[in-house]
């Protein structure tokens, strides 16, 4: 590069020139910068506001409260084994006249309801196996 060209380049780059400032553009740039800073500060304060609060004493007690105890199971009722009940044995030719039925010790159903279930057998003659079937009608 020649000396003359270097001098022209130097003058071009380093010589002060008048600057034309458009104040409308400067005002708009300031407005944009200010609104961006306001948005950032609002976002920061919203995040700080939504931060969880430390727990108080009541919340701590609620979190460590023991679980309620499971309800105790009711004891199982003893099952009556049909095999333990002695079977009625006897000749089938032997018949017993049935004049009435009286039920005692009924706790789940009224005795009158159970007697009504057996009402059709009253007045007849029954064998031991038929009497056993009659008893089974109300015990199942």
N, C-alpha and C. Protein backbone atom coordinates (compact mmCIF):
# COMPACT_ATOMS: atom_id res chain seq x y z
N UNK A 1 0.85 -1.15 0.00
CA UNK A 1 0.00 0.00 0.00
C UNK A 1 0.92 1.24 0.00
N UNK A 2 0.52 2.17 -0.77
CA UNK A 2 1.36 3.37 -0.91
C UNK A 2 1.11 4.32 0.25
N UNK A 3 2.02 5.24 0.39
CA UNK A 3 1.91 6.21 1.48
C UNK A 3 0.69 7.09 1.31
N UNK A 4 0.35 7.40 0.13
CA UNK A 4 -0.78 8.28 -0.13
C UNK A 4 -2.08 7.56 0.26
N UNK A 5 -2.17 6.33 -0.07
CA UNK A 5 -3.38 5.56 0.26
C UNK A 5 -3.51 5.38 1.76
N UNK A 6 -2.38 5.16 2.42
CA UNK A 6 -2.42 5.01 3.88
C UNK A 6 -2.91 6.30 4.53
N UNK A 7 -2.45 7.43 3.99
CA UNK A 7 -2.84 8.72 4.56
C UNK A 7 -4.33 8.97 4.36
N UNK A 8 -4.85 8.63 3.19
CA UNK A 8 -6.27 8.83 2.92
C UNK A 8 -7.13 7.92 3.82
N UNK A 9 -6.70 6.69 4.01
CA UNK A 9 -7.42 5.76 4.88
C UNK A 9 -7.40 6.26 6.32
N UNK A 10 -6.25 6.74 6.76
CA UNK A 10 -6.12 7.26 8.11
C UNK A 10 -7.05 8.46 8.31
N UNK A 11 -7.07 9.37 7.36
CA UNK A 11 -7.93 10.55 7.46
C UNK A 11 -9.41 10.15 7.46
N UNK A 12 -9.71 9.16 6.64
CA UNK A 12 -11.11 8.72 6.55
C UNK A 12 -11.60 8.11 7.87
N UNK A 13 -10.74 7.32 8.48
CA UNK A 13 -11.14 6.62 9.70
C UNK A 13 -11.07 7.50 10.94
N UNK A 14 -10.09 8.35 11.01
CA UNK A 14 -9.87 9.09 12.25
C UNK A 14 -10.37 10.53 12.24
N UNK A 15 -10.83 11.01 11.16
CA UNK A 15 -11.31 12.38 11.10
C UNK A 15 -12.71 12.44 11.68
N UNK A 16 -12.94 13.34 12.65
CA UNK A 16 -14.28 13.46 13.22
C UNK A 16 -15.24 14.05 12.20
N UNK A 17 -16.45 13.53 12.24
CA UNK A 17 -17.50 13.99 11.35
C UNK A 17 -18.70 14.38 12.19
N UNK A 18 -19.54 15.25 11.67
CA UNK A 18 -20.74 15.60 12.42
C UNK A 18 -21.70 14.42 12.44
N UNK A 19 -22.28 14.18 13.60
CA UNK A 19 -23.20 13.06 13.78
C UNK A 19 -24.62 13.59 13.71
N UNK A 20 -25.45 12.93 12.95
CA UNK A 20 -26.84 13.33 12.82
C UNK A 20 -27.66 12.44 13.75
N UNK A 21 -28.20 12.98 14.79
CA UNK A 21 -28.95 12.21 15.79
C UNK A 21 -30.44 12.43 15.55
N UNK A 22 -31.17 11.33 15.47
CA UNK A 22 -32.62 11.39 15.36
C UNK A 22 -33.18 11.08 16.75
N UNK A 23 -33.68 12.10 17.40
CA UNK A 23 -34.13 11.95 18.78
C UNK A 23 -35.33 11.03 18.89
N UNK A 24 -36.12 10.84 17.89
CA UNK A 24 -37.25 9.91 17.92
C UNK A 24 -36.79 8.46 18.04
N UNK A 25 -35.70 8.14 17.34
CA UNK A 25 -35.15 6.78 17.43
C UNK A 25 -34.54 6.54 18.80
N UNK A 26 -33.89 7.56 19.35
CA UNK A 26 -33.29 7.43 20.68
C UNK A 26 -34.40 7.23 21.72
N UNK A 27 -35.47 7.99 21.61
CA UNK A 27 -36.57 7.86 22.56
C UNK A 27 -37.22 6.48 22.46
N UNK A 28 -37.38 6.01 21.23
CA UNK A 28 -37.97 4.68 21.05
C UNK A 28 -37.06 3.60 21.63
N UNK A 29 -35.76 3.70 21.45
CA UNK A 29 -34.81 2.72 21.99
C UNK A 29 -34.85 2.74 23.52
N UNK A 30 -34.95 3.94 24.11
CA UNK A 30 -35.04 4.03 25.56
C UNK A 30 -36.35 3.42 26.07
N UNK A 31 -37.43 3.64 25.35
CA UNK A 31 -38.72 3.08 25.75
C UNK A 31 -38.70 1.55 25.69
N UNK A 32 -38.12 1.00 24.66
CA UNK A 32 -38.02 -0.46 24.53
C UNK A 32 -37.16 -1.03 25.65
N UNK A 33 -36.03 -0.40 25.92
CA UNK A 33 -35.14 -0.89 26.97
C UNK A 33 -35.82 -0.81 28.34
N UNK A 34 -36.54 0.29 28.59
CA UNK A 34 -37.22 0.45 29.87
C UNK A 34 -38.33 -0.58 30.04
N UNK A 35 -39.09 -0.82 28.97
CA UNK A 35 -40.17 -1.80 29.09
C UNK A 35 -39.62 -3.21 29.29
N UNK A 36 -38.49 -3.51 28.67
CA UNK A 36 -37.88 -4.83 28.88
C UNK A 36 -37.41 -4.99 30.32
N UNK A 37 -36.81 -3.93 30.86
CA UNK A 37 -36.36 -4.02 32.25
C UNK A 37 -37.54 -4.14 33.21
N UNK A 38 -38.64 -3.46 32.91
CA UNK A 38 -39.83 -3.56 33.76
C UNK A 38 -40.42 -4.97 33.70
N UNK A 39 -40.43 -5.56 32.51
CA UNK A 39 -40.95 -6.93 32.38
C UNK A 39 -40.09 -7.92 33.15
N UNK A 40 -38.78 -7.75 33.08
CA UNK A 40 -37.88 -8.65 33.81
C UNK A 40 -38.07 -8.48 35.31
N UNK A 41 -38.22 -7.26 35.78
CA UNK A 41 -38.40 -7.06 37.23
C UNK A 41 -39.74 -7.60 37.70
N UNK A 42 -40.80 -7.46 36.87
CA UNK A 42 -42.10 -8.02 37.25
C UNK A 42 -42.04 -9.55 37.29
N UNK A 43 -41.36 -10.13 36.32
CA UNK A 43 -41.23 -11.58 36.30
C UNK A 43 -40.46 -12.07 37.53
N UNK A 44 -39.42 -11.36 37.88
CA UNK A 44 -38.64 -11.74 39.06
C UNK A 44 -39.45 -11.63 40.33
N UNK A 45 -40.25 -10.57 40.46
CA UNK A 45 -41.05 -10.42 41.68
C UNK A 45 -42.18 -11.45 41.71
N UNK A 46 -42.73 -11.81 40.54
CA UNK A 46 -43.78 -12.83 40.51
C UNK A 46 -43.21 -14.18 40.92
N UNK A 47 -42.00 -14.47 40.47
CA UNK A 47 -41.39 -15.75 40.86
C UNK A 47 -41.10 -15.77 42.35
N UNK A 48 -40.67 -14.65 42.90
CA UNK A 48 -40.41 -14.60 44.34
C UNK A 48 -41.71 -14.71 45.13
N UNK A 49 -42.79 -14.15 44.60
CA UNK A 49 -44.07 -14.21 45.29
C UNK A 49 -44.64 -15.62 45.28
N UNK A 50 -44.41 -16.35 44.19
CA UNK A 50 -44.98 -17.70 44.09
C UNK A 50 -44.10 -18.76 44.74
N UNK A 51 -43.00 -18.37 45.32
CA UNK A 51 -42.14 -19.34 46.01
C UNK A 51 -42.89 -19.91 47.21
N UNK A 52 -42.74 -21.21 47.48
CA UNK A 52 -43.46 -21.80 48.62
C UNK A 52 -42.98 -21.23 49.95
N UNK A 53 -43.92 -21.06 50.83
CA UNK A 53 -43.60 -20.55 52.16
C UNK A 53 -43.07 -21.69 53.02
N UNK A 54 -42.21 -21.38 53.96
CA UNK A 54 -41.76 -22.45 54.85
C UNK A 54 -42.92 -22.94 55.70
N UNK A 55 -42.95 -24.23 56.03
CA UNK A 55 -44.08 -24.77 56.80
C UNK A 55 -44.10 -24.21 58.22
N UNK A 56 -45.31 -24.05 58.74
CA UNK A 56 -45.44 -23.62 60.12
C UNK A 56 -45.61 -24.85 61.02
N UNK A 57 -45.75 -24.64 62.30
CA UNK A 57 -45.80 -25.76 63.25
C UNK A 57 -46.99 -26.67 62.99
N UNK A 58 -48.14 -26.11 62.64
CA UNK A 58 -49.33 -26.93 62.40
C UNK A 58 -49.16 -27.83 61.19
N UNK A 59 -48.53 -27.31 60.14
CA UNK A 59 -48.31 -28.13 58.95
C UNK A 59 -47.33 -29.25 59.24
N UNK A 60 -46.34 -28.99 60.04
CA UNK A 60 -45.38 -30.04 60.39
C UNK A 60 -46.07 -31.13 61.19
N UNK A 61 -46.94 -30.74 62.13
CA UNK A 61 -47.66 -31.75 62.91
C UNK A 61 -48.59 -32.58 62.03
N UNK A 62 -49.22 -31.94 61.04
CA UNK A 62 -50.10 -32.68 60.12
C UNK A 62 -49.31 -33.70 59.32
N UNK A 63 -48.09 -33.35 58.94
CA UNK A 63 -47.32 -34.26 58.09
C UNK A 63 -46.78 -35.45 58.88
N UNK A 64 -46.61 -35.32 60.18
CA UNK A 64 -46.08 -36.44 60.96
C UNK A 64 -47.15 -37.16 61.76
N UNK A 65 -48.42 -36.81 61.55
CA UNK A 65 -49.51 -37.47 62.27
C UNK A 65 -49.54 -38.94 61.85
N UNK A 66 -49.65 -39.85 62.80
CA UNK A 66 -49.67 -41.28 62.43
C UNK A 66 -50.96 -41.62 61.71
N UNK A 67 -50.86 -42.60 60.86
CA UNK A 67 -52.03 -43.06 60.11
C UNK A 67 -53.03 -43.68 61.07
N UNK A 68 -54.32 -43.53 60.79
CA UNK A 68 -55.31 -44.15 61.68
C UNK A 68 -55.18 -45.66 61.65
N UNK A 69 -55.44 -46.25 62.78
CA UNK A 69 -55.32 -47.70 62.89
C UNK A 69 -56.39 -48.37 62.05
N UNK A 70 -56.01 -49.46 61.44
CA UNK A 70 -56.96 -50.21 60.63
C UNK A 70 -58.02 -50.82 61.54
N UNK A 71 -59.25 -50.86 61.08
CA UNK A 71 -60.28 -51.45 61.94
C UNK A 71 -59.99 -52.93 62.18
N UNK A 72 -60.23 -53.31 63.39
CA UNK A 72 -59.97 -54.71 63.72
C UNK A 72 -61.04 -55.58 63.08
N UNK A 73 -60.61 -56.68 62.59
CA UNK A 73 -61.54 -57.60 61.93
C UNK A 73 -62.41 -58.28 62.98
N UNK A 74 -63.65 -58.44 62.63
CA UNK A 74 -64.53 -59.15 63.55
C UNK A 74 -64.12 -60.61 63.57
N UNK A 75 -64.21 -61.23 64.73
CA UNK A 75 -63.85 -62.64 64.77
C UNK A 75 -64.84 -63.45 63.94
N UNK A 76 -64.31 -64.43 63.29
CA UNK A 76 -65.15 -65.28 62.45
C UNK A 76 -66.08 -66.11 63.34
N UNK A 77 -67.30 -66.23 62.90
CA UNK A 77 -68.26 -67.04 63.63
C UNK A 77 -67.91 -68.51 63.44
N UNK A 78 -68.03 -69.28 64.47
CA UNK A 78 -67.73 -70.70 64.30
C UNK A 78 -68.73 -71.34 63.34
N UNK A 79 -68.21 -72.06 62.40
CA UNK A 79 -69.07 -72.74 61.44
C UNK A 79 -69.48 -74.09 62.00
N UNK A 80 -70.76 -74.30 61.92
CA UNK A 80 -71.26 -75.60 62.40
C UNK A 80 -71.02 -76.62 61.32
N UNK A 81 -70.39 -77.65 61.70
CA UNK A 81 -70.11 -78.73 60.76
C UNK A 81 -71.29 -79.68 60.76
N UNK A 82 -71.83 -79.91 59.58
CA UNK A 82 -72.99 -80.79 59.49
C UNK A 82 -72.64 -82.21 59.92
N UNK A 83 -71.40 -82.58 59.79
CA UNK A 83 -71.01 -83.94 60.15
C UNK A 83 -71.02 -84.15 61.66
N UNK A 84 -70.89 -83.08 62.45
CA UNK A 84 -70.88 -83.23 63.90
C UNK A 84 -72.28 -83.43 64.46
N UNK A 85 -73.30 -83.01 63.71
CA UNK A 85 -74.67 -83.19 64.18
C UNK A 85 -75.05 -84.65 63.97
N UNK A 86 -75.53 -85.29 64.99
CA UNK A 86 -75.88 -86.71 64.82
C UNK A 86 -77.08 -86.86 63.89
N UNK A 87 -76.98 -87.79 63.01
CA UNK A 87 -78.07 -88.05 62.07
C UNK A 87 -79.17 -88.84 62.77
N UNK A 88 -80.40 -88.52 62.41
CA UNK A 88 -81.53 -89.26 62.97
C UNK A 88 -81.61 -90.61 62.25
N UNK A 89 -81.57 -91.63 63.02
CA UNK A 89 -81.64 -92.97 62.42
C UNK A 89 -82.85 -93.70 62.97
N UNK A 90 -83.37 -94.51 62.16
CA UNK A 90 -84.53 -95.30 62.57
C UNK A 90 -85.20 -95.87 61.34
N UNK A 91 -86.11 -96.76 61.56
CA UNK A 91 -86.78 -97.36 60.40
C UNK A 91 -87.69 -96.34 59.72
N UNK A 92 -87.75 -96.43 58.39
CA UNK A 92 -88.61 -95.51 57.65
C UNK A 92 -90.10 -95.87 57.78
N UNK A 93 -90.37 -97.01 58.35
CA UNK A 93 -91.77 -97.40 58.53
C UNK A 93 -92.37 -96.75 59.77
N UNK A 94 -91.51 -96.28 60.65
CA UNK A 94 -91.97 -95.65 61.89
C UNK A 94 -92.31 -94.20 61.60
N UNK A 95 -93.58 -93.79 61.79
CA UNK A 95 -94.02 -92.42 61.52
C UNK A 95 -94.52 -91.75 62.79
N UNK A 96 -94.23 -90.47 62.89
CA UNK A 96 -94.58 -89.68 64.08
C UNK A 96 -95.61 -88.64 63.67
N UNK A 97 -96.76 -88.60 64.37
CA UNK A 97 -97.75 -87.56 64.05
C UNK A 97 -97.24 -86.20 64.55
N UNK A 98 -97.29 -85.19 63.69
CA UNK A 98 -96.80 -83.86 64.03
C UNK A 98 -98.00 -82.96 64.30
N UNK A 99 -98.22 -82.63 65.61
CA UNK A 99 -99.37 -81.81 66.00
C UNK A 99 -99.02 -80.32 66.06
N UNK A 100 -97.77 -79.96 66.20
CA UNK A 100 -97.39 -78.54 66.29
C UNK A 100 -95.87 -78.41 66.33
N UNK A 101 -95.43 -77.20 66.12
CA UNK A 101 -93.98 -76.92 66.15
C UNK A 101 -93.77 -75.71 67.04
N UNK A 102 -92.79 -75.82 67.96
CA UNK A 102 -92.43 -74.68 68.80
C UNK A 102 -90.92 -74.49 68.66
N UNK A 103 -90.52 -73.31 68.25
CA UNK A 103 -89.09 -72.99 68.06
C UNK A 103 -88.65 -72.11 69.21
N UNK A 104 -87.53 -72.48 69.84
CA UNK A 104 -86.97 -71.69 70.95
C UNK A 104 -85.51 -71.39 70.64
N UNK A 105 -85.05 -70.27 71.17
CA UNK A 105 -83.63 -69.91 71.01
C UNK A 105 -83.30 -69.25 69.68
N UNK A 106 -84.29 -68.88 68.90
CA UNK A 106 -84.02 -68.21 67.62
C UNK A 106 -83.56 -66.78 67.90
N UNK A 107 -82.43 -66.38 67.33
CA UNK A 107 -81.90 -65.03 67.58
C UNK A 107 -81.88 -64.17 66.32
N UNK A 108 -81.72 -64.78 65.16
CA UNK A 108 -81.60 -64.00 63.94
C UNK A 108 -82.96 -63.65 63.34
N UNK A 109 -83.87 -64.60 63.37
CA UNK A 109 -85.22 -64.40 62.84
C UNK A 109 -86.23 -64.65 63.95
N UNK A 110 -87.37 -63.99 63.90
CA UNK A 110 -88.40 -64.26 64.91
C UNK A 110 -88.90 -65.70 64.79
N UNK A 111 -89.25 -66.28 65.92
CA UNK A 111 -89.71 -67.67 65.93
C UNK A 111 -90.97 -67.84 65.09
N UNK A 112 -91.85 -66.85 65.06
CA UNK A 112 -93.08 -66.95 64.28
C UNK A 112 -92.78 -67.08 62.79
N UNK A 113 -91.74 -66.39 62.31
CA UNK A 113 -91.36 -66.47 60.90
C UNK A 113 -90.87 -67.87 60.56
N UNK A 114 -90.07 -68.43 61.44
CA UNK A 114 -89.54 -69.78 61.20
C UNK A 114 -90.66 -70.83 61.29
N UNK A 115 -91.58 -70.63 62.22
CA UNK A 115 -92.69 -71.58 62.34
C UNK A 115 -93.58 -71.54 61.10
N UNK A 116 -93.71 -70.36 60.48
CA UNK A 116 -94.52 -70.25 59.26
C UNK A 116 -93.90 -71.03 58.11
N UNK A 117 -92.59 -71.16 58.10
CA UNK A 117 -91.93 -71.93 57.05
C UNK A 117 -92.24 -73.43 57.17
N UNK A 118 -92.60 -73.87 58.36
CA UNK A 118 -92.85 -75.30 58.59
C UNK A 118 -94.33 -75.61 58.75
N UNK A 119 -95.18 -74.64 58.55
CA UNK A 119 -96.61 -74.80 58.80
C UNK A 119 -97.25 -75.90 57.96
N UNK A 120 -96.76 -76.13 56.76
CA UNK A 120 -97.38 -77.14 55.88
C UNK A 120 -97.20 -78.56 56.40
N UNK A 121 -96.25 -78.80 57.29
CA UNK A 121 -96.00 -80.15 57.79
C UNK A 121 -96.87 -80.50 59.00
N UNK A 122 -97.48 -79.51 59.62
CA UNK A 122 -98.29 -79.75 60.82
C UNK A 122 -99.55 -80.52 60.44
N UNK A 123 -99.82 -81.54 61.23
CA UNK A 123 -101.02 -82.36 61.02
C UNK A 123 -100.73 -83.65 60.27
N UNK A 124 -99.54 -83.81 59.76
CA UNK A 124 -99.21 -85.03 59.02
C UNK A 124 -98.40 -85.98 59.86
N UNK A 125 -98.12 -87.14 59.29
CA UNK A 125 -97.26 -88.12 59.95
C UNK A 125 -95.94 -88.16 59.19
N UNK A 126 -94.82 -88.01 59.92
CA UNK A 126 -93.51 -87.91 59.30
C UNK A 126 -92.57 -88.97 59.83
N UNK A 127 -91.69 -89.46 58.96
CA UNK A 127 -90.64 -90.39 59.40
C UNK A 127 -89.50 -89.57 59.98
N UNK A 128 -88.52 -90.25 60.55
CA UNK A 128 -87.37 -89.54 61.13
C UNK A 128 -86.59 -88.77 60.06
N UNK A 129 -86.42 -89.34 58.89
CA UNK A 129 -85.69 -88.64 57.82
C UNK A 129 -86.47 -87.41 57.34
N UNK A 130 -87.82 -87.49 57.34
CA UNK A 130 -88.62 -86.33 56.96
C UNK A 130 -88.57 -85.24 58.03
N UNK A 131 -88.51 -85.64 59.30
CA UNK A 131 -88.34 -84.66 60.38
C UNK A 131 -86.98 -83.98 60.28
N UNK A 132 -85.97 -84.76 59.93
CA UNK A 132 -84.62 -84.20 59.75
C UNK A 132 -84.61 -83.19 58.59
N UNK A 133 -85.28 -83.51 57.49
CA UNK A 133 -85.36 -82.59 56.35
C UNK A 133 -86.13 -81.33 56.74
N UNK A 134 -87.14 -81.47 57.58
CA UNK A 134 -87.91 -80.33 58.06
C UNK A 134 -87.03 -79.40 58.90
N UNK A 135 -86.19 -79.98 59.75
CA UNK A 135 -85.28 -79.18 60.57
C UNK A 135 -84.24 -78.48 59.69
N UNK A 136 -83.78 -79.16 58.64
CA UNK A 136 -82.80 -78.56 57.74
C UNK A 136 -83.38 -77.39 56.95
N UNK A 137 -84.68 -77.38 56.76
CA UNK A 137 -85.34 -76.31 56.00
C UNK A 137 -85.16 -74.95 56.68
N UNK A 138 -85.08 -74.93 57.99
CA UNK A 138 -84.94 -73.64 58.69
C UNK A 138 -83.53 -73.40 59.23
N UNK A 139 -82.65 -74.39 59.13
CA UNK A 139 -81.30 -74.19 59.66
C UNK A 139 -80.30 -73.79 58.58
N UNK A 140 -80.64 -73.81 57.36
CA UNK A 140 -79.68 -73.43 56.30
C UNK A 140 -79.81 -71.98 55.98
